[in-house]
Protein backbone atom coordinates (compact mmCIF):
# COMPACT_ATOMS: atom_id res chain seq x y z
CA MET A 1 26.95 -3.27 5.96
CA VAL A 2 28.51 -3.46 2.64
CA LEU A 3 28.68 -0.33 0.61
CA ARG A 4 28.74 -0.01 -3.20
CA CYS A 5 29.29 3.03 -5.30
CA LYS A 6 27.11 4.08 -8.12
CA ASN A 7 28.20 6.75 -10.61
CA LEU A 8 25.41 9.30 -11.12
CA GLY A 9 27.33 11.34 -13.62
CA MET A 10 29.13 14.73 -13.17
CA ASN A 11 31.72 12.95 -10.88
CA LYS A 12 29.10 12.58 -8.17
CA PHE A 13 28.97 9.28 -6.32
CA VAL A 14 26.47 8.02 -3.76
CA LEU A 15 26.55 4.90 -1.87
CA ILE A 16 24.10 2.19 -2.33
CA ALA A 17 23.40 0.46 1.06
CA THR A 18 23.49 -3.32 0.82
CA VAL A 19 22.66 -4.63 4.31
CA VAL A 20 23.98 -8.19 4.42
CA LEU A 21 21.12 -10.36 5.68
CA SER A 22 22.14 -13.60 7.30
CA ALA A 23 20.22 -16.67 6.15
CA CYS A 24 19.93 -17.96 9.72
CA THR A 25 18.46 -14.85 11.50
CA SER A 26 15.42 -12.68 10.95
CA ASN A 27 16.91 -9.87 13.08
CA ALA A 28 18.59 -8.29 10.03
CA TYR A 29 15.27 -7.64 8.41
CA LEU A 30 14.10 -5.83 11.51
CA GLN A 31 17.37 -3.86 11.42
CA LEU A 32 16.70 -2.82 7.90
CA ALA A 33 13.08 -1.85 8.78
CA GLU A 34 14.55 0.31 11.67
CA GLN A 35 17.22 1.89 9.34
CA VAL A 36 14.47 2.96 6.82
CA ALA A 37 12.20 4.16 9.57
CA GLN A 38 14.92 6.24 11.25
CA SER A 39 15.84 7.66 7.86
CA GLU A 40 12.28 8.66 7.23
CA MET A 41 12.11 10.48 10.59
CA LYS A 42 15.14 12.45 9.60
CA HIS A 43 13.76 13.16 6.19
CA HIS A 44 10.35 14.12 7.57
CA PRO A 45 10.38 15.08 11.28
CA GLU A 46 6.69 16.04 10.89
CA LEU A 47 5.00 12.82 9.67
CA TRP A 48 2.20 14.75 7.67
CA THR A 49 4.93 16.15 5.35
CA CYS A 50 6.10 12.67 4.28
CA ASP A 51 4.28 12.92 0.78
CA GLY A 52 5.38 16.52 0.08
CA ALA A 53 2.29 18.31 1.69
CA GLN A 54 2.89 21.97 2.45
CA LYS A 55 0.17 22.19 5.18
CA PRO A 56 -1.50 19.46 7.47
CA LYS A 57 -3.87 17.25 5.61
CA TRP A 58 -5.60 14.03 6.64
CA GLU A 59 -4.45 11.74 3.85
CA TYR A 60 -3.72 8.01 3.34
CA THR A 61 -0.02 8.33 2.88
CA PRO A 62 1.00 9.71 6.29
CA THR A 63 -1.57 7.45 8.06
CA LEU A 64 0.00 4.48 6.30
CA MET A 65 3.49 5.56 7.58
CA ALA A 66 1.92 5.90 10.98
CA ARG A 67 0.65 2.30 10.79
CA ALA A 68 4.16 1.17 9.73
CA PHE A 69 5.72 3.02 12.87
CA LEU A 70 3.16 1.35 15.13
CA GLU A 71 3.86 -2.10 13.84
CA LEU A 72 7.55 -1.44 14.16
CA TYR A 73 6.92 -0.38 17.77
CA THR A 74 5.13 -3.63 18.33
CA ALA A 75 8.02 -5.55 16.79
CA THR A 76 10.83 -3.85 18.64
CA GLY A 77 9.34 -2.27 21.79
CA ASP A 78 11.13 0.99 20.83
CA THR A 79 8.81 3.85 21.96
CA THR A 80 10.33 6.19 19.57
CA TYR A 81 8.16 4.81 16.84
CA LEU A 82 5.05 4.88 19.07
CA THR A 83 5.71 8.57 19.87
CA GLN A 84 6.03 9.32 16.20
CA ALA A 85 2.56 7.85 15.47
CA GLN A 86 1.02 9.21 18.66
CA ARG A 87 2.14 12.74 17.81
CA PHE A 88 0.72 12.54 14.45
CA ALA A 89 -2.61 11.36 15.81
CA ASP A 90 -2.75 14.16 18.35
CA GLN A 91 -2.06 16.74 15.70
CA PHE A 92 -5.11 15.62 13.69
CA ILE A 93 -7.62 14.28 16.12
CA GLY A 94 -9.32 16.93 18.36
CA GLU A 95 -10.39 16.33 21.99
CA ASP A 96 -13.95 16.05 20.66
CA GLY A 97 -12.92 13.42 18.05
CA THR A 98 -12.98 15.77 15.02
CA ILE A 99 -10.47 14.98 12.24
CA LEU A 100 -8.54 17.94 10.94
CA THR A 101 -9.30 18.61 7.27
CA TYR A 102 -11.44 15.53 6.88
CA LYS A 103 -14.76 15.92 4.98
CA LYS A 104 -17.16 12.97 4.84
CA SER A 105 -19.21 14.62 2.11
CA LEU A 106 -16.36 14.04 -0.29
CA TYR A 107 -16.85 10.24 0.20
CA ASN A 108 -13.24 9.61 -0.71
CA MET A 109 -12.05 6.09 0.09
CA ASP A 110 -8.46 7.41 0.55
CA ARG A 111 -9.45 9.45 3.60
CA ILE A 112 -10.54 6.54 5.71
CA GLN A 113 -7.35 4.40 5.37
CA GLY A 114 -6.23 6.36 8.49
CA GLY A 115 -8.82 4.38 10.45
CA ASN A 116 -6.41 1.47 10.46
CA PHE A 117 -3.68 3.05 12.45
CA LEU A 118 -6.21 4.74 14.77
CA ILE A 119 -7.59 1.29 15.78
CA LEU A 120 -4.00 0.07 16.32
CA LEU A 121 -3.13 3.13 18.37
CA ASN A 122 -6.24 2.91 20.39
CA ALA A 123 -5.48 -0.70 21.37
CA ILE A 124 -2.07 0.56 22.69
CA ASN A 125 -3.21 3.78 24.21
CA PRO A 126 -7.16 4.07 24.37
CA GLN A 127 -8.44 7.54 24.12
CA PRO A 128 -12.04 8.53 23.74
CA GLN A 129 -11.36 10.87 20.90
CA TYR A 130 -9.70 8.20 18.90
CA ALA A 131 -12.86 5.98 19.25
CA ILE A 132 -15.02 8.99 18.10
CA ALA A 133 -12.80 9.48 15.06
CA ILE A 134 -12.93 5.82 14.13
CA GLU A 135 -16.76 5.89 14.25
CA THR A 136 -16.75 8.93 12.11
CA LEU A 137 -14.79 7.09 9.36
CA ARG A 138 -17.08 4.01 9.69
CA ASP A 139 -20.11 6.33 9.20
CA GLN A 140 -18.71 7.40 5.77
CA LEU A 141 -18.70 3.75 4.53
CA ARG A 142 -22.35 3.35 5.71
CA GLU A 143 -23.18 6.10 3.24
CA GLN A 144 -20.52 5.58 0.55
CA PRO A 145 -22.11 5.49 -2.98
CA ARG A 146 -21.93 2.01 -4.52
CA THR A 147 -22.25 0.32 -7.84
CA GLU A 148 -25.27 -1.76 -8.63
CA GLU A 149 -23.36 -4.92 -7.36
CA GLY A 150 -22.51 -3.17 -4.16
CA GLY A 151 -18.93 -2.09 -4.74
CA PHE A 152 -17.85 1.19 -3.22
CA TRP A 153 -17.22 4.03 -5.59
CA HIS A 154 -13.75 5.24 -5.30
CA LYS A 155 -14.71 8.91 -4.66
CA GLN A 156 -17.92 10.93 -4.99
CA VAL A 157 -16.34 12.89 -7.89
CA TYR A 158 -15.47 9.43 -9.65
CA GLU A 159 -19.00 8.29 -10.07
CA HIS A 160 -19.63 4.52 -10.68
CA GLN A 161 -15.92 3.82 -10.54
CA MET A 162 -13.91 1.16 -8.63
CA TRP A 163 -10.25 1.41 -8.51
CA LEU A 164 -7.88 -1.31 -7.11
CA ASP A 165 -6.46 1.30 -4.74
CA GLY A 166 -9.66 1.72 -2.93
CA LEU A 167 -9.67 -1.91 -1.83
CA PHE A 168 -6.62 -1.05 0.32
CA THR A 169 -7.52 2.51 1.51
CA GLY A 170 -11.08 1.70 2.41
CA THR A 171 -11.78 -2.00 2.64
CA THR A 172 -8.91 -2.80 5.00
CA PHE A 173 -10.26 -0.41 7.57
CA TYR A 174 -13.68 -1.82 7.09
CA ALA A 175 -12.30 -5.23 8.02
CA ARG A 176 -10.30 -3.93 10.96
CA TYR A 177 -13.46 -2.21 12.18
CA ALA A 178 -15.49 -5.37 11.84
CA GLY A 179 -13.01 -7.17 14.09
CA TRP A 180 -12.69 -4.28 16.52
CA LYS A 181 -16.37 -3.53 17.16
CA PRO A 182 -17.11 -6.44 16.26
CA GLU A 183 -19.48 -6.38 13.27
CA PRO A 184 -19.71 -9.88 12.00
CA GLU A 185 -22.45 -9.14 9.47
CA ALA A 186 -20.01 -6.89 7.59
CA TRP A 187 -17.67 -9.72 6.40
CA SER A 188 -19.70 -10.80 3.41
CA ASP A 189 -19.93 -7.15 2.25
CA ILE A 190 -16.08 -6.74 2.62
CA ALA A 191 -15.51 -9.92 0.62
CA ASN A 192 -17.94 -8.66 -2.02
CA GLN A 193 -15.79 -5.72 -2.57
CA PHE A 194 -12.99 -7.88 -3.92
CA VAL A 195 -15.28 -10.26 -5.75
CA VAL A 196 -16.92 -7.33 -7.65
CA VAL A 197 -13.72 -5.61 -8.54
CA ASP A 198 -12.03 -8.73 -9.69
CA GLN A 199 -14.80 -10.00 -11.88
CA HIS A 200 -14.65 -6.71 -13.69
CA THR A 201 -10.97 -5.95 -13.88
CA ARG A 202 -9.33 -9.38 -14.31
CA LYS A 203 -7.25 -9.67 -17.31
CA ALA A 204 -6.41 -12.88 -19.32
CA ASN A 205 -2.90 -12.97 -17.92
CA GLY A 206 -4.13 -13.12 -14.35
CA LEU A 207 -3.41 -9.47 -13.46
CA ASN A 208 -5.91 -6.70 -13.15
CA HIS A 209 -6.75 -3.43 -14.85
CA HIS A 210 -6.28 -0.39 -12.62
CA GLY A 211 -9.82 0.73 -12.65
CA TRP A 212 -13.39 0.01 -13.81
CA ASP A 213 -16.27 2.36 -14.65
CA GLU A 214 -19.64 0.63 -14.37
CA SER A 215 -21.23 3.33 -16.47
CA ARG A 216 -18.56 3.10 -19.26
CA GLN A 217 -18.80 6.88 -19.72
CA MET A 218 -15.25 7.92 -18.77
CA ALA A 219 -12.92 8.44 -21.73
CA TRP A 220 -10.31 6.16 -20.21
CA ALA A 221 -12.91 3.31 -20.00
CA ASP A 222 -13.27 0.64 -22.61
CA SER A 223 -16.79 0.90 -24.21
CA LEU A 224 -17.43 -2.78 -23.71
CA THR A 225 -15.84 -3.71 -20.43
CA GLY A 226 -15.55 -0.29 -18.76
CA CYS A 227 -11.85 -1.11 -17.71
CA SER A 228 -8.92 1.17 -17.96
CA ALA A 229 -6.23 0.17 -20.45
CA GLU A 230 -3.28 -1.11 -18.35
CA THR A 231 -2.20 -2.83 -15.22
CA TRP A 232 -0.44 -0.36 -13.02
CA GLY A 233 2.13 -1.84 -10.64
CA ARG A 234 1.16 0.08 -7.48
CA ALA A 235 -2.59 -0.46 -8.05
CA GLU A 236 -1.91 -4.14 -8.19
CA GLY A 237 0.14 -3.77 -5.17
CA TRP A 238 -2.49 -2.08 -3.13
CA TYR A 239 -4.72 -4.94 -4.34
CA VAL A 240 -2.65 -7.82 -3.00
CA MET A 241 -1.74 -5.92 0.23
CA ALA A 242 -5.44 -5.45 0.85
CA LEU A 243 -6.26 -9.13 0.21
CA CYS A 244 -3.55 -10.18 2.75
CA ASP A 245 -4.59 -7.65 5.39
CA VAL A 246 -8.28 -8.57 5.09
CA LEU A 247 -7.60 -12.26 5.09
CA GLU A 248 -5.52 -11.95 8.26
CA LEU A 249 -8.47 -10.33 10.02
CA MET A 250 -11.29 -12.25 8.48
CA PRO A 251 -12.81 -15.21 10.53
CA ALA A 252 -11.53 -18.57 9.39
CA ASP A 253 -15.08 -19.90 8.97
CA GLN A 254 -16.18 -17.04 6.73
CA PRO A 255 -17.73 -18.58 3.56
CA ASP A 256 -16.17 -16.17 1.23
CA ARG A 257 -12.60 -16.56 2.48
CA GLY A 258 -11.69 -19.28 0.10
CA GLU A 259 -12.63 -17.14 -2.91
CA LEU A 260 -10.35 -14.35 -1.62
CA ILE A 261 -7.54 -16.72 -1.19
CA ALA A 262 -8.02 -17.88 -4.76
CA ILE A 263 -7.82 -14.39 -6.16
CA LEU A 264 -4.67 -13.67 -4.15
CA SER A 265 -3.00 -16.88 -5.28
CA ARG A 266 -3.89 -16.14 -8.97
CA VAL A 267 -2.54 -12.63 -8.87
CA MET A 268 0.70 -13.56 -7.10
CA GLU A 269 1.40 -16.36 -9.65
CA ALA A 270 0.65 -13.90 -12.52
CA LEU A 271 3.17 -11.44 -11.06
CA LEU A 272 5.88 -14.04 -10.95
CA THR A 273 5.57 -14.43 -14.66
CA VAL A 274 6.27 -10.78 -15.37
CA GLN A 275 8.95 -10.26 -12.68
CA ASP A 276 12.37 -9.07 -13.78
CA GLN A 277 14.52 -12.20 -13.34
CA ASP A 278 17.84 -10.25 -12.75
CA THR A 279 16.63 -7.91 -9.95
CA HIS A 280 13.52 -9.72 -8.85
CA LEU A 281 11.70 -6.35 -9.12
CA TRP A 282 8.75 -5.32 -11.27
CA TYR A 283 8.10 -2.62 -13.77
CA GLN A 284 5.81 0.39 -13.49
CA VAL A 285 3.55 -1.39 -16.05
CA PRO A 286 4.32 -4.85 -14.94
CA ASP A 287 3.33 -6.85 -17.95
CA LYS A 288 4.99 -4.68 -20.47
CA GLY A 289 8.44 -4.68 -19.15
CA GLU A 290 9.88 -5.05 -22.66
CA GLN A 291 8.56 -1.71 -23.89
CA GLU A 292 10.68 1.36 -24.15
CA GLY A 293 10.39 3.72 -21.30
CA ASN A 294 9.24 1.34 -18.77
CA TYR A 295 11.29 1.16 -15.58
CA LEU A 296 11.68 -0.98 -12.48
CA GLU A 297 9.50 0.65 -9.95
CA SER A 298 10.17 0.55 -6.20
CA THR A 299 6.77 1.05 -4.51
CA CYS A 300 5.07 -1.84 -6.29
CA SER A 301 8.05 -4.11 -5.63
CA ALA A 302 7.94 -3.34 -1.86
CA MET A 303 4.26 -4.05 -1.77
CA TYR A 304 4.53 -7.41 -3.61
CA ALA A 305 7.31 -8.35 -1.08
CA TYR A 306 4.94 -7.42 1.71
CA ALA A 307 2.10 -9.56 0.32
CA MET A 308 4.30 -12.57 -0.19
CA ALA A 309 5.62 -12.49 3.25
CA LYS A 310 2.30 -11.66 4.84
CA GLY A 311 0.66 -14.25 2.85
CA VAL A 312 2.98 -16.95 4.04
CA ASN A 313 2.73 -15.79 7.63
CA ILE A 314 -1.05 -16.00 7.72
CA GLY A 315 -1.06 -19.34 5.96
CA VAL A 316 -2.72 -18.51 2.61
CA LEU A 317 0.41 -18.58 0.38
CA PRO A 318 2.90 -21.47 -0.05
CA ASP A 319 6.12 -21.26 1.96
CA THR A 320 8.11 -20.68 -1.43
CA TYR A 321 6.84 -17.06 -1.39
CA ARG A 322 9.02 -16.45 1.70
CA ASP A 323 12.18 -16.99 -0.15
CA GLU A 324 10.91 -14.93 -3.08
CA ALA A 325 10.09 -12.06 -0.73
CA LYS A 326 13.64 -12.18 0.55
CA ARG A 327 14.94 -11.92 -3.07
CA VAL A 328 12.71 -8.93 -3.65
CA ILE A 329 14.06 -7.18 -0.68
CA GLU A 330 17.57 -7.98 -1.78
CA GLY A 331 16.78 -6.54 -5.23
CA LEU A 332 15.49 -3.39 -3.64
CA LYS A 333 18.70 -3.07 -1.37
CA SER A 334 21.01 -3.65 -4.38
CA ASN A 335 19.31 -1.39 -6.95
CA LYS A 336 16.94 1.06 -5.24
CA LEU A 337 18.22 1.95 -1.64
CA LEU A 338 20.88 4.73 -1.65
CA MET A 339 22.97 5.95 1.31
CA ASN A 340 22.96 9.64 1.55
CA ASP A 341 25.87 11.77 2.87
CA ASP A 342 24.11 12.07 6.27
CA GLY A 343 23.90 8.30 6.69
CA THR A 344 20.21 8.10 5.91
CA LEU A 345 18.85 5.82 3.34
CA SER A 346 16.70 6.72 0.30
CA LEU A 347 14.32 4.61 -1.67
CA ILE A 348 14.72 5.80 -5.32
CA ASP A 349 12.59 5.26 -8.48
CA CYS A 350 9.14 5.58 -6.83
CA CYS A 351 6.24 6.71 -9.02
CA ALA A 352 4.93 9.76 -7.23
CA VAL A 353 1.29 9.50 -8.12
CA ALA A 354 -0.91 8.06 -10.83
CA GLY A 355 -4.68 7.91 -11.27
CA LEU A 356 -7.45 8.00 -13.85
CA GLY A 357 -9.53 10.94 -15.17
CA GLY A 358 -9.37 14.14 -13.27
CA ASN A 359 -8.04 17.48 -14.46
CA PRO A 360 -5.54 17.49 -16.09
CA PHE A 361 -7.06 14.28 -17.64
CA ARG A 362 -5.23 10.94 -17.06
CA ASP A 363 -6.05 8.40 -19.77
CA GLY A 364 -4.58 5.25 -18.11
CA SER A 365 -2.35 4.48 -21.07
CA PHE A 366 1.12 2.90 -21.04
CA ASP A 367 2.58 6.27 -22.08
CA TYR A 368 0.79 8.04 -19.28
CA TYR A 369 2.03 5.67 -16.51
CA ILE A 370 5.72 5.85 -17.58
CA HIS A 371 5.78 9.61 -17.71
CA GLU A 372 4.33 10.27 -14.28
CA ARG A 373 6.75 11.91 -12.00
CA ILE A 374 9.43 9.74 -10.20
CA CYS A 375 10.65 10.66 -6.75
CA ASP A 376 12.72 9.36 -3.84
CA ASN A 377 11.40 8.23 -0.47
CA ASP A 378 7.61 8.08 -1.45
CA PRO A 379 5.74 6.80 1.61
CA LYS A 380 3.87 4.50 -0.63
CA GLY A 381 7.10 2.56 -0.97
CA VAL A 382 8.77 3.45 2.20
CA ALA A 383 5.95 2.28 4.40
CA PRO A 384 5.39 -1.10 2.55
CA LEU A 385 9.17 -1.81 2.68
CA ILE A 386 9.14 -1.35 6.54
CA LEU A 387 6.06 -3.66 6.74
CA ALA A 388 7.56 -6.26 4.42
CA CYS A 389 10.74 -6.42 6.62
CA ILE A 390 8.73 -6.67 9.67
CA GLU A 391 6.86 -9.76 8.22
CA LEU A 392 10.12 -11.39 7.22
CA SER A 393 11.48 -10.76 10.70
CA LYS A 394 8.68 -13.06 11.96
CA GLN A 395 9.94 -15.96 10.00
């Protein structure tokens, strides 16, 4: 490991960890994934606290971290990571299969992302309560409100709205369930989620608007298109991650598969045109990197690296994306990974949260996105970084 000092002012120095990755071995990527995961376990011994929660809550962020731990266990055989995910599951899933703090009546797409890690965990350690919880989450999708074209609303309180985020939190579980049960008739519905949102949010430059309001009633929605104003880096990240995860699971002969591959290819090509050429990272508002106040944001950059590596591994992106994913990881290590005094790593410059509407109102403007809170070690960046390194370790 090579260490570099960065002056943060007031005579305080922190170490930026730059793990030297050999061009001839994939083990170094797995080593980095483990370093990040072990740091995360020290930062948040209780997994449910990883996103700053003060009390246990079934949420998409810790369940995504649990998935990352399970995939790291599969890659390494180290039961430490399995134990971390198992403990989290047993804290939230009762013996009767009830999910602590979960309310189906909210019809919140974020709440069903956890079904992904439950299906993975149930494959490793089958338990009847896990299967019941998985079915509970599937039932929500059966009743989830939809747009006229069949797209899932993001939440009950966000009527008529589709957000790119929801394609990851909800649709990836739908796909994993369709393969687990199996439920072959679901695949056309799954594909339609991407087709609908892409048709309505696609921009001329190949990227996507963060959200779309079918009713065009929200103050953030364009009166003609219903779209929010900007591309948000992490929303686009959720989108390309979702496409890769679904394409990995989707049957090869599914008629809609080619259309999803075309969407993924278009977005990835568009992202390369707005990438920072010095660091190989992306901005909070990716296609406005030249505007004052914009900054290179870590979570979306990690997500794009995952999509690149995953896309190559499942055969839907050209091999050139593998090398680009490696450059992105190098950019994160050189610019966004800090070594703390206790030897743990921290991922800096993570947008803590962003959305549309709500109270206080979020207008989806450039000014809004660049002024949302920035934090360290956000699980929405840490988990994708671990997953990206796992994918690169396979190559």
